Amino acid sequence: MNNLGNEICQMLLERLGFDDLKVEDIDFSAPLFAAADPEGIGLGLDSVDSLEIVAGIRQSYSVRMTGSDMHVFENVNTITDFVRSKVESA
């Protein structure tokens, strides 16, 4: 994956307290949230975690997210694409 994807993944792991995982352990296309992950292959996040992700993206990349942007929380790849598009259009 690209550097931005690695940075975002690292930020997620740190902010969400996954101290036992490394970026290379994460499948960037796996679902992040338990509700969208019937196979149990993702991180198993919940709605409280989404608030921490929003705060991390804002702090790290100066990108604000609204309720209509929540669809990007599918996986690390979709978050990376969203952040990249916002940073490039700024």
PDB file of N, CA and C in Angstrom:
ATOM      1  N   MET A   1       0.853  -1.189   0.000  1.00  0.00           N
ATOM      2  CA  MET A   1       0.000   0.000   0.000  1.00  0.00           C
ATOM      3  C   MET A   1       0.882   1.229   0.000  1.00  0.00           C
ATOM      4  N   ASN A   2       0.326   2.334  -0.296  1.00  0.00           N
ATOM      5  CA  ASN A   2       1.068   3.582  -0.383  1.00  0.00           C
ATOM      6  C   ASN A   2       1.352   4.160   1.001  1.00  0.00           C
ATOM      7  N   ASN A   3       2.186   5.194   1.031  1.00  0.00           N
ATOM      8  CA  ASN A   3       2.563   5.817   2.296  1.00  0.00           C
ATOM      9  C   ASN A   3       1.372   6.394   3.045  1.00  0.00           C
ATOM     10  N   LEU A   4       0.453   7.058   2.348  1.00  0.00           N
ATOM     11  CA  LEU A   4      -0.711   7.625   3.014  1.00  0.00           C
ATOM     12  C   LEU A   4      -1.544   6.529   3.665  1.00  0.00           C
ATOM     13  N   GLY A   5      -1.742   5.452   2.977  1.00  0.00           N
ATOM     14  CA  GLY A   5      -2.485   4.320   3.547  1.00  0.00           C
ATOM     15  C   GLY A   5      -1.810   3.775   4.793  1.00  0.00           C
ATOM     16  N   ASN A   6      -0.497   3.651   4.746  1.00  0.00           N
ATOM     17  CA  ASN A   6       0.246   3.184   5.917  1.00  0.00           C
ATOM     18  C   ASN A   6       0.124   4.163   7.074  1.00  0.00           C
ATOM     19  N   GLU A   7       0.211   5.454   6.771  1.00  0.00           N
ATOM     20  CA  GLU A   7       0.079   6.482   7.815  1.00  0.00           C
ATOM     21  C   GLU A   7      -1.297   6.421   8.462  1.00  0.00           C
ATOM     22  N   ILE A   8      -2.326   6.319   7.647  1.00  0.00           N
ATOM     23  CA  ILE A   8      -3.689   6.269   8.173  1.00  0.00           C
ATOM     24  C   ILE A   8      -3.891   5.010   9.003  1.00  0.00           C
ATOM     25  N   CYS A   9      -3.410   3.899   8.529  1.00  0.00           N
ATOM     26  CA  CYS A   9      -3.534   2.651   9.274  1.00  0.00           C
ATOM     27  C   CYS A   9      -2.811   2.758  10.617  1.00  0.00           C
ATOM     28  N   GLN A  10      -1.616   3.315  10.621  1.00  0.00           N
ATOM     29  CA  GLN A  10      -0.864   3.493  11.863  1.00  0.00           C
ATOM     30  C   GLN A  10      -1.623   4.397  12.830  1.00  0.00           C
ATOM     31  N   MET A  11      -2.191   5.474  12.310  1.00  0.00           N
ATOM     32  CA  MET A  11      -2.978   6.384  13.136  1.00  0.00           C
ATOM     33  C   MET A  11      -4.165   5.647  13.757  1.00  0.00           C
ATOM     34  N   LEU A  12      -4.853   4.831  12.970  1.00  0.00           N
ATOM     35  CA  LEU A  12      -5.985   4.064  13.484  1.00  0.00           C
ATOM     36  C   LEU A  12      -5.548   3.124  14.609  1.00  0.00           C
ATOM     37  N   LEU A  13      -4.482   2.409  14.375  1.00  0.00           N
ATOM     38  CA  LEU A  13      -4.005   1.460  15.384  1.00  0.00           C
ATOM     39  C   LEU A  13      -3.640   2.166  16.686  1.00  0.00           C
ATOM     40  N   GLU A  14      -2.960   3.296  16.572  1.00  0.00           N
ATOM     41  CA  GLU A  14      -2.546   4.033  17.763  1.00  0.00           C
ATOM     42  C   GLU A  14      -3.737   4.634  18.495  1.00  0.00           C
ATOM     43  N   ARG A  15      -4.610   5.306  17.773  1.00  0.00           N
ATOM     44  CA  ARG A  15      -5.751   5.989  18.408  1.00  0.00           C
ATOM     45  C   ARG A  15      -6.761   5.015  18.999  1.00  0.00           C
ATOM     46  N   LEU A  16      -6.853   3.830  18.418  1.00  0.00           N
ATOM     47  CA  LEU A  16      -7.851   2.863  18.877  1.00  0.00           C
ATOM     48  C   LEU A  16      -7.270   1.829  19.842  1.00  0.00           C
ATOM     49  N   GLY A  17      -5.988   1.960  20.162  1.00  0.00           N
ATOM     50  CA  GLY A  17      -5.380   1.111  21.182  1.00  0.00           C
ATOM     51  C   GLY A  17      -5.042  -0.300  20.757  1.00  0.00           C
ATOM     52  N   PHE A  18      -4.790  -0.511  19.481  1.00  0.00           N
ATOM     53  CA  PHE A  18      -4.391  -1.838  18.998  1.00  0.00           C
ATOM     54  C   PHE A  18      -2.870  -1.968  19.091  1.00  0.00           C
ATOM     55  N   ASP A  19      -2.360  -1.974  20.311  1.00  0.00           N
ATOM     56  CA  ASP A  19      -0.919  -1.998  20.547  1.00  0.00           C
ATOM     57  C   ASP A  19      -0.254  -3.288  20.086  1.00  0.00           C
ATOM     58  N   ASP A  20      -1.021  -4.343  19.977  1.00  0.00           N
ATOM     59  CA  ASP A  20      -0.474  -5.639  19.597  1.00  0.00           C
ATOM     60  C   ASP A  20      -0.439  -5.859  18.081  1.00  0.00           C
ATOM     61  N   LEU A  21      -0.943  -4.900  17.308  1.00  0.00           N
ATOM     62  CA  LEU A  21      -0.966  -5.034  15.850  1.00  0.00           C
ATOM     63  C   LEU A  21      -0.010  -4.057  15.188  1.00  0.00           C
ATOM     64  N   LYS A  22       0.473  -4.449  14.022  1.00  0.00           N
ATOM     65  CA  LYS A  22       1.315  -3.589  13.191  1.00  0.00           C
ATOM     66  C   LYS A  22       0.600  -3.343  11.875  1.00  0.00           C
ATOM     67  N   VAL A  23       1.006  -2.306  11.174  1.00  0.00           N
ATOM     68  CA  VAL A  23       0.386  -1.966   9.890  1.00  0.00           C
ATOM     69  C   VAL A  23       0.379  -3.175   8.961  1.00  0.00           C
ATOM     70  N   GLU A  24       1.474  -3.905   8.920  1.00  0.00           N
ATOM     71  CA  GLU A  24       1.556  -5.047   7.998  1.00  0.00           C
ATOM     72  C   GLU A  24       0.623  -6.199   8.383  1.00  0.00           C
ATOM     73  N   ASP A  25       0.046  -6.156   9.590  1.00  0.00           N
ATOM     74  CA  ASP A  25      -0.923  -7.175  10.012  1.00  0.00           C
ATOM     75  C   ASP A  25      -2.331  -6.896   9.490  1.00  0.00           C
ATOM     76  N   ILE A  26      -2.565  -5.697   8.983  1.00  0.00           N
ATOM     77  CA  ILE A  26      -3.904  -5.257   8.622  1.00  0.00           C
ATOM     78  C   ILE A  26      -4.171  -5.443   7.132  1.00  0.00           C
ATOM     79  N   ASP A  27      -5.302  -6.031   6.824  1.00  0.00           N
ATOM     80  CA  ASP A  27      -5.789  -6.139   5.449  1.00  0.00           C
ATOM     81  C   ASP A  27      -6.536  -4.841   5.159  1.00  0.00           C
ATOM     82  N   PHE A  28      -5.962  -3.990   4.315  1.00  0.00           N
ATOM     83  CA  PHE A  28      -6.524  -2.664   4.062  1.00  0.00           C
ATOM     84  C   PHE A  28      -7.890  -2.716   3.388  1.00  0.00           C
ATOM     85  N   SER A  29      -8.285  -3.871   2.853  1.00  0.00           N
ATOM     86  CA  SER A  29      -9.594  -3.989   2.215  1.00  0.00           C
ATOM     87  C   SER A  29     -10.621  -4.704   3.102  1.00  0.00           C
ATOM     88  N   ALA A  30     -10.223  -5.114   4.297  1.00  0.00           N
ATOM     89  CA  ALA A  30     -11.146  -5.790   5.218  1.00  0.00           C
ATOM     90  C   ALA A  30     -12.068  -4.774   5.884  1.00  0.00           C
ATOM     91  N   PRO A  31     -13.312  -5.148   6.144  1.00  0.00           N
ATOM     92  CA  PRO A  31     -14.238  -4.235   6.823  1.00  0.00           C
ATOM     93  C   PRO A  31     -13.692  -3.828   8.194  1.00  0.00           C
ATOM     94  N   LEU A  32     -13.865  -2.558   8.540  1.00  0.00           N
ATOM     95  CA  LEU A  32     -13.386  -2.074   9.831  1.00  0.00           C
ATOM     96  C   LEU A  32     -14.389  -2.326  10.953  1.00  0.00           C
ATOM     97  N   PHE A  33     -15.674  -2.252  10.643  1.00  0.00           N
ATOM     98  CA  PHE A  33     -16.702  -2.297  11.673  1.00  0.00           C
ATOM     99  C   PHE A  33     -17.371  -3.656  11.768  1.00  0.00           C
ATOM    100  N   ALA A  34     -17.620  -4.073  12.997  1.00  0.00           N
ATOM    101  CA  ALA A  34     -18.201  -5.386  13.263  1.00  0.00           C
ATOM    102  C   ALA A  34     -19.532  -5.575  12.535  1.00  0.00           C
ATOM    103  N   ALA A  35     -20.345  -4.538  12.464  1.00  0.00           N
ATOM    104  CA  ALA A  35     -21.659  -4.646  11.833  1.00  0.00           C
ATOM    105  C   ALA A  35     -21.584  -4.990  10.351  1.00  0.00           C
ATOM    106  N   ALA A  36     -20.473  -4.636   9.709  1.00  0.00           N
ATOM    107  CA  ALA A  36     -20.313  -4.898   8.277  1.00  0.00           C
ATOM    108  C   ALA A  36     -19.358  -6.053   8.014  1.00  0.00           C
ATOM    109  N   ASP A  37     -19.096  -6.854   9.042  1.00  0.00           N
ATOM    110  CA  ASP A  37     -18.049  -7.868   8.946  1.00  0.00           C
ATOM    111  C   ASP A  37     -18.517  -9.225   9.485  1.00  0.00           C
ATOM    112  N   PRO A  38     -19.444  -9.879   8.777  1.00  0.00           N
ATOM    113  CA  PRO A  38     -19.968 -11.151   9.279  1.00  0.00           C
ATOM    114  C   PRO A  38     -18.914 -12.258   9.360  1.00  0.00           C
ATOM    115  N   GLU A  39     -17.841 -12.125   8.605  1.00  0.00           N
ATOM    116  CA  GLU A  39     -16.789 -13.139   8.615  1.00  0.00           C
ATOM    117  C   GLU A  39     -15.777 -12.921   9.737  1.00  0.00           C
ATOM    118  N   GLY A  40     -15.824 -11.754  10.385  1.00  0.00           N
ATOM    119  CA  GLY A  40     -14.917 -11.479  11.491  1.00  0.00           C
ATOM    120  C   GLY A  40     -13.464 -11.310  11.099  1.00  0.00           C
ATOM    121  N   ILE A  41     -13.204 -10.764   9.897  1.00  0.00           N
ATOM    122  CA  ILE A  41     -11.820 -10.627   9.438  1.00  0.00           C
ATOM    123  C   ILE A  41     -11.237  -9.232   9.670  1.00  0.00           C
ATOM    124  N   GLY A  42     -12.082  -8.279  10.043  1.00  0.00           N
ATOM    125  CA  GLY A  42     -11.627  -6.902  10.232  1.00  0.00           C
ATOM    126  C   GLY A  42     -11.274  -6.607  11.672  1.00  0.00           C
ATOM    127  N   LEU A  43     -11.285  -5.321  12.025  1.00  0.00           N
ATOM    128  CA  LEU A  43     -10.906  -4.892  13.366  1.00  0.00           C
ATOM    129  C   LEU A  43     -12.051  -4.937  14.362  1.00  0.00           C
ATOM    130  N   GLY A  44     -13.288  -5.085  13.903  1.00  0.00           N
ATOM    131  CA  GLY A  44     -14.427  -5.193  14.803  1.00  0.00           C
ATOM    132  C   GLY A  44     -14.767  -3.904  15.528  1.00  0.00           C
ATOM    133  N   LEU A  45     -14.643  -2.785  14.851  1.00  0.00           N
ATOM    134  CA  LEU A  45     -14.894  -1.487  15.466  1.00  0.00           C
ATOM    135  C   LEU A  45     -16.384  -1.227  15.660  1.00  0.00           C
ATOM    136  N   ASP A  46     -16.680  -0.207  16.489  1.00  0.00           N
ATOM    137  CA  ASP A  46     -18.071   0.191  16.706  1.00  0.00           C
ATOM    138  C   ASP A  46     -18.210   1.694  16.519  1.00  0.00           C
ATOM    139  N   SER A  47     -19.401   2.224  16.783  1.00  0.00           N
ATOM    140  CA  SER A  47     -19.673   3.639  16.512  1.00  0.00           C
ATOM    141  C   SER A  47     -18.817   4.577  17.345  1.00  0.00           C
ATOM    142  N   VAL A  48     -18.455   4.201  18.549  1.00  0.00           N
ATOM    143  CA  VAL A  48     -17.578   5.041  19.366  1.00  0.00           C
ATOM    144  C   VAL A  48     -16.213   5.169  18.699  1.00  0.00           C
ATOM    145  N   ASP A  49     -15.730   4.090  18.114  1.00  0.00           N
ATOM    146  CA  ASP A  49     -14.453   4.120  17.401  1.00  0.00           C
ATOM    147  C   ASP A  49     -14.490   5.076  16.217  1.00  0.00           C
ATOM    148  N   SER A  50     -15.643   5.195  15.580  1.00  0.00           N
ATOM    149  CA  SER A  50     -15.742   6.093  14.424  1.00  0.00           C
ATOM    150  C   SER A  50     -15.468   7.537  14.833  1.00  0.00           C
ATOM    151  N   LEU A  51     -15.878   7.926  16.021  1.00  0.00           N
ATOM    152  CA  LEU A  51     -15.595   9.280  16.512  1.00  0.00           C
ATOM    153  C   LEU A  51     -14.099   9.505  16.671  1.00  0.00           C
ATOM    154  N   GLU A  52     -13.414   8.506  17.133  1.00  0.00           N
ATOM    155  CA  GLU A  52     -11.961   8.597  17.299  1.00  0.00           C
ATOM    156  C   GLU A  52     -11.267   8.676  15.939  1.00  0.00           C
ATOM    157  N   ILE A  53     -11.794   7.970  14.956  1.00  0.00           N
ATOM    158  CA  ILE A  53     -11.237   8.035  13.602  1.00  0.00           C
ATOM    159  C   ILE A  53     -11.429   9.437  13.026  1.00  0.00           C
ATOM    160  N   VAL A  54     -12.626   9.995  13.192  1.00  0.00           N
ATOM    161  CA  VAL A  54     -12.896  11.352  12.697  1.00  0.00           C
ATOM    162  C   VAL A  54     -11.918  12.339  13.335  1.00  0.00           C
ATOM    163  N   ALA A  55     -11.733  12.230  14.647  1.00  0.00           N
ATOM    164  CA  ALA A  55     -10.812  13.130  15.346  1.00  0.00           C
ATOM    165  C   ALA A  55      -9.384  12.954  14.849  1.00  0.00           C
ATOM    166  N   GLY A  56      -8.980  11.734  14.598  1.00  0.00           N
ATOM    167  CA  GLY A  56      -7.629  11.466  14.114  1.00  0.00           C
ATOM    168  C   GLY A  56      -7.395  12.018  12.720  1.00  0.00           C
ATOM    169  N   ILE A  57      -8.381  11.877  11.860  1.00  0.00           N
ATOM    170  CA  ILE A  57      -8.258  12.401  10.496  1.00  0.00           C
ATOM    171  C   ILE A  57      -8.185  13.920  10.525  1.00  0.00           C
ATOM    172  N   ARG A  58      -8.999  14.519  11.363  1.00  0.00           N
ATOM    173  CA  ARG A  58      -8.985  15.984  11.462  1.00  0.00           C
ATOM    174  C   ARG A  58      -7.645  16.477  12.010  1.00  0.00           C
ATOM    175  N   GLN A  59      -7.166  15.836  13.047  1.00  0.00           N
ATOM    176  CA  GLN A  59      -5.909  16.252  13.661  1.00  0.00           C
ATOM    177  C   GLN A  59      -4.713  15.993  12.739  1.00  0.00           C
ATOM    178  N   SER A  60      -4.667  14.852  12.119  1.00  0.00           N
ATOM    179  CA  SER A  60      -3.508  14.462  11.311  1.00  0.00           C
ATOM    180  C   SER A  60      -3.470  15.102   9.930  1.00  0.00           C
ATOM    181  N   TYR A  61      -4.657  15.326   9.334  1.00  0.00           N
ATOM    182  CA  TYR A  61      -4.705  15.764   7.936  1.00  0.00           C
ATOM    183  C   TYR A  61      -5.517  17.041   7.720  1.00  0.00           C
ATOM    184  N   SER A  62      -6.023  17.635   8.783  1.00  0.00           N
ATOM    185  CA  SER A  62      -6.856  18.845   8.705  1.00  0.00           C
ATOM    186  C   SER A  62      -8.045  18.650   7.774  1.00  0.00           C
ATOM    187  N   VAL A  63      -8.593  17.451   7.786  1.00  0.00           N
ATOM    188  CA  VAL A  63      -9.757  17.117   6.965  1.00  0.00           C
ATOM    189  C   VAL A  63     -10.955  16.956   7.895  1.00  0.00           C
ATOM    190  N   ARG A  64     -11.976  17.727   7.622  1.00  0.00           N
ATOM    191  CA  ARG A  64     -13.216  17.628   8.402  1.00  0.00           C
ATOM    192  C   ARG A  64     -14.153  16.645   7.715  1.00  0.00           C
ATOM    193  N   MET A  65     -14.866  15.904   8.553  1.00  0.00           N
ATOM    194  CA  MET A  65     -15.827  14.937   8.036  1.00  0.00           C
ATOM    195  C   MET A  65     -17.207  15.297   8.547  1.00  0.00           C
ATOM    196  N   THR A  66     -18.204  15.048   7.707  1.00  0.00           N
ATOM    197  CA  THR A  66     -19.592  15.274   8.094  1.00  0.00           C
ATOM    198  C   THR A  66     -20.316  13.929   8.128  1.00  0.00           C
ATOM    199  N   GLY A  67     -21.553  13.964   8.543  1.00  0.00           N
ATOM    200  CA  GLY A  67     -22.346  12.738   8.572  1.00  0.00           C
ATOM    201  C   GLY A  67     -22.460  12.077   7.217  1.00  0.00           C
ATOM    202  N   SER A  68     -22.463  12.866   6.169  1.00  0.00           N
ATOM    203  CA  SER A  68     -22.577  12.283   4.823  1.00  0.00           C
ATOM    204  C   SER A  68     -21.275  11.625   4.356  1.00  0.00           C
ATOM    205  N   ASP A  69     -20.198  11.820   5.099  1.00  0.00           N
ATOM    206  CA  ASP A  69     -18.908  11.211   4.738  1.00  0.00           C
ATOM    207  C   ASP A  69     -18.686   9.856   5.405  1.00  0.00           C
ATOM    208  N   MET A  70     -19.574   9.444   6.269  1.00  0.00           N
ATOM    209  CA  MET A  70     -19.364   8.225   7.058  1.00  0.00           C
ATOM    210  C   MET A  70     -19.279   6.955   6.202  1.00  0.00           C
ATOM    211  N   HIS A  71     -19.745   7.017   4.975  1.00  0.00           N
ATOM    212  CA  HIS A  71     -19.664   5.846   4.095  1.00  0.00           C
ATOM    213  C   HIS A  71     -18.220   5.443   3.814  1.00  0.00           C
ATOM    214  N   VAL A  72     -17.280   6.334   4.029  1.00  0.00           N
ATOM    215  CA  VAL A  72     -15.869   6.015   3.740  1.00  0.00           C
ATOM    216  C   VAL A  72     -15.252   5.103   4.792  1.00  0.00           C
ATOM    217  N   PHE A  73     -15.961   4.836   5.866  1.00  0.00           N
ATOM    218  CA  PHE A  73     -15.416   3.987   6.926  1.00  0.00           C
ATOM    219  C   PHE A  73     -15.514   2.495   6.622  1.00  0.00           C
ATOM    220  N   GLU A  74     -15.645   2.164   5.375  1.00  0.00           N
ATOM    221  CA  GLU A  74     -15.732   0.760   4.984  1.00  0.00           C
ATOM    222  C   GLU A  74     -14.450  -0.002   5.335  1.00  0.00           C
ATOM    223  N   ASN A  75     -13.311   0.552   4.945  1.00  0.00           N
ATOM    224  CA  ASN A  75     -12.022  -0.083   5.219  1.00  0.00           C
ATOM    225  C   ASN A  75     -10.905   0.962   5.125  1.00  0.00           C
ATOM    226  N   VAL A  76      -9.682   0.553   5.354  1.00  0.00           N
ATOM    227  CA  VAL A  76      -8.551   1.490   5.322  1.00  0.00           C
ATOM    228  C   VAL A  76      -8.398   2.092   3.924  1.00  0.00           C
ATOM    229  N   ASN A  77      -8.611   1.306   2.897  1.00  0.00           N
ATOM    230  CA  ASN A  77      -8.490   1.825   1.528  1.00  0.00           C
ATOM    231  C   ASN A  77      -9.469   2.953   1.247  1.00  0.00           C
ATOM    232  N   THR A  78     -10.725   2.802   1.678  1.00  0.00           N
ATOM    233  CA  THR A  78     -11.715   3.839   1.392  1.00  0.00           C
ATOM    234  C   THR A  78     -11.444   5.108   2.196  1.00  0.00           C
ATOM    235  N   ILE A  79     -10.951   4.953   3.411  1.00  0.00           N
ATOM    236  CA  ILE A  79     -10.573   6.127   4.202  1.00  0.00           C
ATOM    237  C   ILE A  79      -9.398   6.832   3.542  1.00  0.00           C
ATOM    238  N   THR A  80      -8.418   6.069   3.084  1.00  0.00           N
ATOM    239  CA  THR A  80      -7.246   6.642   2.414  1.00  0.00           C
ATOM    240  C   THR A  80      -7.647   7.403   1.159  1.00  0.00           C
ATOM    241  N   ASP A  81      -8.513   6.819   0.349  1.00  0.00           N
ATOM    242  CA  ASP A  81      -8.967   7.497  -0.871  1.00  0.00           C
ATOM    243  C   ASP A  81      -9.684   8.793  -0.543  1.00  0.00           C
ATOM    244  N   PHE A  82     -10.506   8.789   0.505  1.00  0.00           N
ATOM    245  CA  PHE A  82     -11.234   9.985   0.915  1.00  0.00           C
ATOM    246  C   PHE A  82     -10.258  11.078   1.356  1.00  0.00           C
ATOM    247  N   VAL A  83      -9.328  10.726   2.243  1.00  0.00           N
ATOM    248  CA  VAL A  83      -8.366  11.716   2.743  1.00  0.00           C
ATOM    249  C   VAL A  83      -7.533  12.273   1.587  1.00  0.00           C
ATOM    250  N   ARG A  84      -7.079  11.386   0.714  1.00  0.00           N
ATOM    251  CA  ARG A  84      -6.272  11.831  -0.431  1.00  0.00           C
ATOM    252  C   ARG A  84      -7.057  12.829  -1.293  1.00  0.00           C
ATOM    253  N   SER A  85      -8.315  12.530  -1.551  1.00  0.00           N
ATOM    254  CA  SER A  85      -9.119  13.430  -2.399  1.00  0.00           C
ATOM    255  C   SER A  85      -9.318  14.788  -1.730  1.00  0.00           C
ATOM    256  N   LYS A  86      -9.507  14.805  -0.423  1.00  0.00           N
ATOM    257  CA  LYS A  86      -9.700  16.065   0.294  1.00  0.00           C
ATOM    258  C   LYS A  86      -8.408  16.868   0.370  1.00  0.00           C
ATOM    259  N   VAL A  87      -7.301  16.223   0.598  1.00  0.00           N
ATOM    260  CA  VAL A  87      -6.006  16.905   0.694  1.00  0.00           C
ATOM    261  C   VAL A  87      -5.612  17.467  -0.671  1.00  0.00           C
ATOM    262  N   GLU A  88      -5.829  16.677  -1.722  1.00  0.00           N
ATOM    263  CA  GLU A  88      -5.462  17.140  -3.065  1.00  0.00           C
ATOM    264  C   GLU A  88      -6.344  18.267  -3.550  1.00  0.00           C
ATOM    265  N   SER A  89      -7.595  18.338  -3.080  1.00  0.00           N
ATOM    266  CA  SER A  89      -8.493  19.395  -3.541  1.00  0.00           C
ATOM    267  C   SER A  89      -8.383  20.669  -2.684  1.00  0.00           C
ATOM    268  N   ALA A  90      -7.620  20.599  -1.620  1.00  0.00           N
ATOM    269  CA  ALA A  90      -7.477  21.774  -0.737  1.00  0.00           C
ATOM    270  C   ALA A  90      -6.526  22.809  -1.306  1.00  0.00           C
TER     271      ALA A  90
END
